[in-house]
Amino acid sequence: MAKEFDSPHKVVHYPYVTEKTMVKMEEENKLEFIVDRRANKGQISDAVEELFDVKVDKVNTRIDKKGKKATVKFTSEYSAEEIGMRIGVF
């Protein structure tokens, strides 16, 4: 963790769930999260790996009116659907 974030919970706020994100989860092995606006992709990747005990393949971010969203793609040995069930997306 970078020094400005002493906990992964300060980087990743909560999962962002819509119909579109559910399709991404099933078809592309991705989950979306609302994250701290100051967090960079590396910090987001580290925080998700630490919080959910997984390996992250790639992180894409964008900022909109709801805040900063991170789309996290997991490596093939981890299932976004299984992670989603663990964190209560369903």
N, C-alpha and C. Protein backbone atom coordinates (compact mmCIF):
# COMPACT_ATOMS: atom_id res chain seq x y z
N MET A 1 0.84 -1.20 0.00
CA MET A 1 0.00 0.00 0.00
C MET A 1 0.88 1.25 0.00
N ALA A 2 0.45 2.22 -0.75
CA ALA A 2 1.15 3.51 -0.72
C ALA A 2 0.89 4.17 0.62
N LYS A 3 1.75 5.11 0.98
CA LYS A 3 1.65 5.68 2.32
C LYS A 3 0.35 6.43 2.60
N GLU A 4 -0.33 6.95 1.55
CA GLU A 4 -1.55 7.68 1.83
C GLU A 4 -2.73 6.75 2.14
N PHE A 5 -2.61 5.46 1.81
CA PHE A 5 -3.65 4.48 2.12
C PHE A 5 -3.08 3.44 3.07
N ASP A 6 -3.50 3.47 4.31
CA ASP A 6 -2.98 2.50 5.26
C ASP A 6 -3.82 1.23 5.33
N SER A 7 -4.91 1.18 4.57
CA SER A 7 -5.77 0.02 4.56
C SER A 7 -6.38 -0.14 3.17
N PRO A 8 -6.52 -1.40 2.68
CA PRO A 8 -7.15 -1.59 1.38
C PRO A 8 -8.61 -1.13 1.36
N HIS A 9 -9.24 -1.08 2.54
CA HIS A 9 -10.63 -0.62 2.63
C HIS A 9 -10.75 0.87 2.32
N LYS A 10 -9.66 1.60 2.43
CA LYS A 10 -9.68 3.03 2.09
C LYS A 10 -9.52 3.25 0.59
N VAL A 11 -9.06 2.23 -0.11
CA VAL A 11 -8.89 2.31 -1.57
C VAL A 11 -10.18 1.85 -2.25
N VAL A 12 -10.64 0.66 -1.91
CA VAL A 12 -11.84 0.07 -2.51
C VAL A 12 -13.02 0.33 -1.57
N HIS A 13 -13.98 1.13 -2.05
CA HIS A 13 -15.12 1.47 -1.19
C HIS A 13 -16.21 0.41 -1.21
N TYR A 14 -16.72 0.07 -2.40
CA TYR A 14 -17.77 -0.94 -2.50
C TYR A 14 -17.92 -1.40 -3.95
N PRO A 15 -18.53 -2.59 -4.15
CA PRO A 15 -18.75 -3.06 -5.53
C PRO A 15 -19.84 -2.22 -6.19
N TYR A 16 -19.72 -2.03 -7.48
CA TYR A 16 -20.70 -1.29 -8.27
C TYR A 16 -21.42 -2.32 -9.14
N VAL A 17 -22.73 -2.47 -8.94
CA VAL A 17 -23.47 -3.53 -9.60
C VAL A 17 -24.61 -2.96 -10.44
N THR A 18 -24.58 -3.27 -11.73
CA THR A 18 -25.68 -2.95 -12.65
C THR A 18 -25.86 -4.18 -13.55
N GLU A 19 -26.85 -4.12 -14.42
CA GLU A 19 -27.02 -5.22 -15.37
C GLU A 19 -25.78 -5.38 -16.24
N LYS A 20 -25.24 -4.26 -16.66
CA LYS A 20 -24.05 -4.28 -17.52
C LYS A 20 -22.84 -4.90 -16.80
N THR A 21 -22.67 -4.56 -15.52
CA THR A 21 -21.54 -5.13 -14.79
C THR A 21 -21.74 -6.62 -14.52
N MET A 22 -23.00 -7.05 -14.41
CA MET A 22 -23.27 -8.48 -14.24
C MET A 22 -22.87 -9.25 -15.50
N VAL A 23 -23.13 -8.67 -16.68
CA VAL A 23 -22.74 -9.31 -17.94
C VAL A 23 -21.21 -9.39 -18.02
N LYS A 24 -20.53 -8.29 -17.64
CA LYS A 24 -19.06 -8.30 -17.63
C LYS A 24 -18.52 -9.38 -16.70
N MET A 25 -19.20 -9.55 -15.56
CA MET A 25 -18.76 -10.55 -14.60
C MET A 25 -18.85 -11.94 -15.21
N GLU A 26 -19.95 -12.23 -15.88
CA GLU A 26 -20.15 -13.57 -16.44
C GLU A 26 -19.30 -13.82 -17.68
N GLU A 27 -19.22 -12.84 -18.57
CA GLU A 27 -18.58 -13.07 -19.86
C GLU A 27 -17.10 -12.72 -19.90
N GLU A 28 -16.67 -11.74 -19.09
CA GLU A 28 -15.29 -11.25 -19.20
C GLU A 28 -14.47 -11.44 -17.92
N ASN A 29 -15.04 -12.06 -16.90
CA ASN A 29 -14.36 -12.30 -15.62
C ASN A 29 -13.92 -10.99 -14.96
N LYS A 30 -14.83 -10.00 -14.94
CA LYS A 30 -14.53 -8.68 -14.40
C LYS A 30 -15.55 -8.28 -13.34
N LEU A 31 -15.10 -7.50 -12.36
CA LEU A 31 -15.98 -6.86 -11.38
C LEU A 31 -15.68 -5.37 -11.38
N GLU A 32 -16.68 -4.57 -11.01
CA GLU A 32 -16.48 -3.12 -10.92
C GLU A 32 -16.61 -2.68 -9.48
N PHE A 33 -15.78 -1.71 -9.11
CA PHE A 33 -15.79 -1.15 -7.77
C PHE A 33 -15.75 0.36 -7.83
N ILE A 34 -16.36 1.00 -6.83
CA ILE A 34 -16.16 2.43 -6.62
C ILE A 34 -14.93 2.53 -5.73
N VAL A 35 -13.97 3.34 -6.15
CA VAL A 35 -12.69 3.43 -5.43
C VAL A 35 -12.38 4.89 -5.10
N ASP A 36 -11.38 5.08 -4.26
CA ASP A 36 -10.93 6.43 -3.91
C ASP A 36 -10.38 7.12 -5.14
N ARG A 37 -10.76 8.38 -5.34
CA ARG A 37 -10.34 9.12 -6.54
C ARG A 37 -8.83 9.29 -6.63
N ARG A 38 -8.13 9.28 -5.50
CA ARG A 38 -6.68 9.48 -5.51
C ARG A 38 -5.90 8.20 -5.78
N ALA A 39 -6.57 7.04 -5.77
CA ALA A 39 -5.89 5.76 -5.94
C ALA A 39 -5.51 5.54 -7.40
N ASN A 40 -4.30 5.04 -7.61
CA ASN A 40 -3.89 4.70 -8.98
C ASN A 40 -4.16 3.21 -9.23
N LYS A 41 -3.93 2.78 -10.47
CA LYS A 41 -4.26 1.41 -10.84
C LYS A 41 -3.48 0.38 -10.02
N GLY A 42 -2.23 0.66 -9.75
CA GLY A 42 -1.42 -0.27 -8.95
C GLY A 42 -1.96 -0.41 -7.53
N GLN A 43 -2.34 0.71 -6.93
CA GLN A 43 -2.90 0.67 -5.58
C GLN A 43 -4.23 -0.08 -5.56
N ILE A 44 -5.05 0.12 -6.59
CA ILE A 44 -6.34 -0.57 -6.67
C ILE A 44 -6.11 -2.07 -6.82
N SER A 45 -5.19 -2.45 -7.70
CA SER A 45 -4.86 -3.86 -7.90
C SER A 45 -4.38 -4.50 -6.60
N ASP A 46 -3.46 -3.84 -5.91
CA ASP A 46 -2.94 -4.37 -4.63
C ASP A 46 -4.06 -4.51 -3.60
N ALA A 47 -4.94 -3.52 -3.52
CA ALA A 47 -6.02 -3.54 -2.54
C ALA A 47 -7.00 -4.68 -2.82
N VAL A 48 -7.38 -4.88 -4.09
CA VAL A 48 -8.31 -5.95 -4.45
C VAL A 48 -7.68 -7.31 -4.16
N GLU A 49 -6.40 -7.46 -4.51
CA GLU A 49 -5.72 -8.73 -4.23
C GLU A 49 -5.67 -9.02 -2.74
N GLU A 50 -5.42 -8.00 -1.94
CA GLU A 50 -5.35 -8.19 -0.49
C GLU A 50 -6.72 -8.46 0.12
N LEU A 51 -7.73 -7.73 -0.32
CA LEU A 51 -9.07 -7.88 0.25
C LEU A 51 -9.71 -9.23 -0.07
N PHE A 52 -9.54 -9.70 -1.31
CA PHE A 52 -10.28 -10.88 -1.75
C PHE A 52 -9.40 -12.10 -1.99
N ASP A 53 -8.10 -12.00 -1.70
CA ASP A 53 -7.17 -13.12 -1.84
C ASP A 53 -7.22 -13.70 -3.25
N VAL A 54 -7.02 -12.83 -4.26
CA VAL A 54 -7.06 -13.21 -5.67
C VAL A 54 -5.87 -12.59 -6.39
N LYS A 55 -5.73 -12.90 -7.67
CA LYS A 55 -4.73 -12.26 -8.51
C LYS A 55 -5.46 -11.45 -9.57
N VAL A 56 -5.03 -10.20 -9.73
CA VAL A 56 -5.64 -9.28 -10.69
C VAL A 56 -4.81 -9.28 -11.96
N ASP A 57 -5.50 -9.39 -13.10
CA ASP A 57 -4.85 -9.36 -14.40
C ASP A 57 -4.69 -7.92 -14.89
N LYS A 58 -5.76 -7.11 -14.77
CA LYS A 58 -5.75 -5.77 -15.33
C LYS A 58 -6.77 -4.89 -14.60
N VAL A 59 -6.46 -3.59 -14.53
CA VAL A 59 -7.37 -2.62 -13.93
C VAL A 59 -7.57 -1.46 -14.91
N ASN A 60 -8.83 -1.13 -15.17
CA ASN A 60 -9.16 0.06 -15.95
C ASN A 60 -9.96 0.98 -15.04
N THR A 61 -9.72 2.29 -15.15
CA THR A 61 -10.44 3.24 -14.30
C THR A 61 -11.09 4.33 -15.15
N ARG A 62 -12.14 4.91 -14.59
CA ARG A 62 -12.76 6.08 -15.19
C ARG A 62 -13.48 6.85 -14.09
N ILE A 63 -13.64 8.14 -14.33
CA ILE A 63 -14.31 8.99 -13.35
C ILE A 63 -15.60 9.50 -13.96
N ASP A 64 -16.70 9.34 -13.21
CA ASP A 64 -17.98 9.89 -13.63
C ASP A 64 -18.66 10.52 -12.43
N LYS A 65 -19.93 10.85 -12.56
CA LYS A 65 -20.62 11.57 -11.49
C LYS A 65 -20.76 10.76 -10.19
N LYS A 66 -20.66 9.43 -10.28
CA LYS A 66 -20.75 8.60 -9.08
C LYS A 66 -19.41 8.48 -8.36
N GLY A 67 -18.32 8.91 -9.01
CA GLY A 67 -16.99 8.80 -8.43
C GLY A 67 -16.07 8.05 -9.38
N LYS A 68 -14.98 7.54 -8.84
CA LYS A 68 -14.01 6.80 -9.65
C LYS A 68 -14.40 5.33 -9.63
N LYS A 69 -14.55 4.77 -10.83
CA LYS A 69 -14.90 3.36 -10.96
C LYS A 69 -13.69 2.61 -11.49
N ALA A 70 -13.47 1.45 -10.92
CA ALA A 70 -12.39 0.58 -11.39
C ALA A 70 -13.00 -0.72 -11.89
N THR A 71 -12.69 -1.06 -13.12
CA THR A 71 -13.08 -2.36 -13.66
C THR A 71 -11.87 -3.27 -13.51
N VAL A 72 -12.05 -4.34 -12.73
CA VAL A 72 -10.95 -5.23 -12.38
C VAL A 72 -11.14 -6.57 -13.09
N LYS A 73 -10.17 -6.95 -13.91
CA LYS A 73 -10.19 -8.25 -14.58
C LYS A 73 -9.29 -9.19 -13.79
N PHE A 74 -9.83 -10.36 -13.47
CA PHE A 74 -9.09 -11.35 -12.68
C PHE A 74 -8.37 -12.34 -13.60
N THR A 75 -7.30 -12.94 -13.07
CA THR A 75 -6.60 -13.96 -13.85
C THR A 75 -7.52 -15.17 -14.01
N SER A 76 -7.20 -16.02 -14.97
CA SER A 76 -8.11 -17.11 -15.35
C SER A 76 -8.36 -18.12 -14.22
N GLU A 77 -7.45 -18.21 -13.25
CA GLU A 77 -7.68 -19.19 -12.18
C GLU A 77 -8.68 -18.70 -11.12
N TYR A 78 -9.14 -17.48 -11.23
CA TYR A 78 -10.15 -16.94 -10.30
C TYR A 78 -11.41 -16.58 -11.06
N SER A 79 -12.55 -16.83 -10.45
CA SER A 79 -13.84 -16.56 -11.08
C SER A 79 -14.47 -15.31 -10.47
N ALA A 80 -14.78 -14.34 -11.32
CA ALA A 80 -15.44 -13.12 -10.85
C ALA A 80 -16.80 -13.45 -10.24
N GLU A 81 -17.48 -14.45 -10.79
CA GLU A 81 -18.79 -14.84 -10.24
C GLU A 81 -18.63 -15.36 -8.82
N GLU A 82 -17.63 -16.18 -8.59
CA GLU A 82 -17.40 -16.74 -7.24
C GLU A 82 -17.02 -15.62 -6.27
N ILE A 83 -16.19 -14.71 -6.71
CA ILE A 83 -15.79 -13.57 -5.86
C ILE A 83 -17.01 -12.72 -5.58
N GLY A 84 -17.83 -12.48 -6.59
CA GLY A 84 -19.06 -11.71 -6.41
C GLY A 84 -19.99 -12.34 -5.39
N MET A 85 -20.10 -13.65 -5.41
CA MET A 85 -20.94 -14.34 -4.42
C MET A 85 -20.36 -14.17 -3.02
N ARG A 86 -19.04 -14.28 -2.90
CA ARG A 86 -18.38 -14.13 -1.59
C ARG A 86 -18.61 -12.75 -0.99
N ILE A 87 -18.64 -11.70 -1.83
CA ILE A 87 -18.77 -10.35 -1.30
C ILE A 87 -20.21 -9.85 -1.29
N GLY A 88 -21.14 -10.71 -1.73
CA GLY A 88 -22.55 -10.35 -1.62
C GLY A 88 -23.12 -9.54 -2.76
N VAL A 89 -22.57 -9.69 -3.96
CA VAL A 89 -23.11 -8.98 -5.13
C VAL A 89 -24.49 -9.53 -5.48
N PHE A 90 -24.70 -10.84 -5.29
CA PHE A 90 -25.99 -11.46 -5.62
C PHE A 90 -26.95 -11.35 -4.47
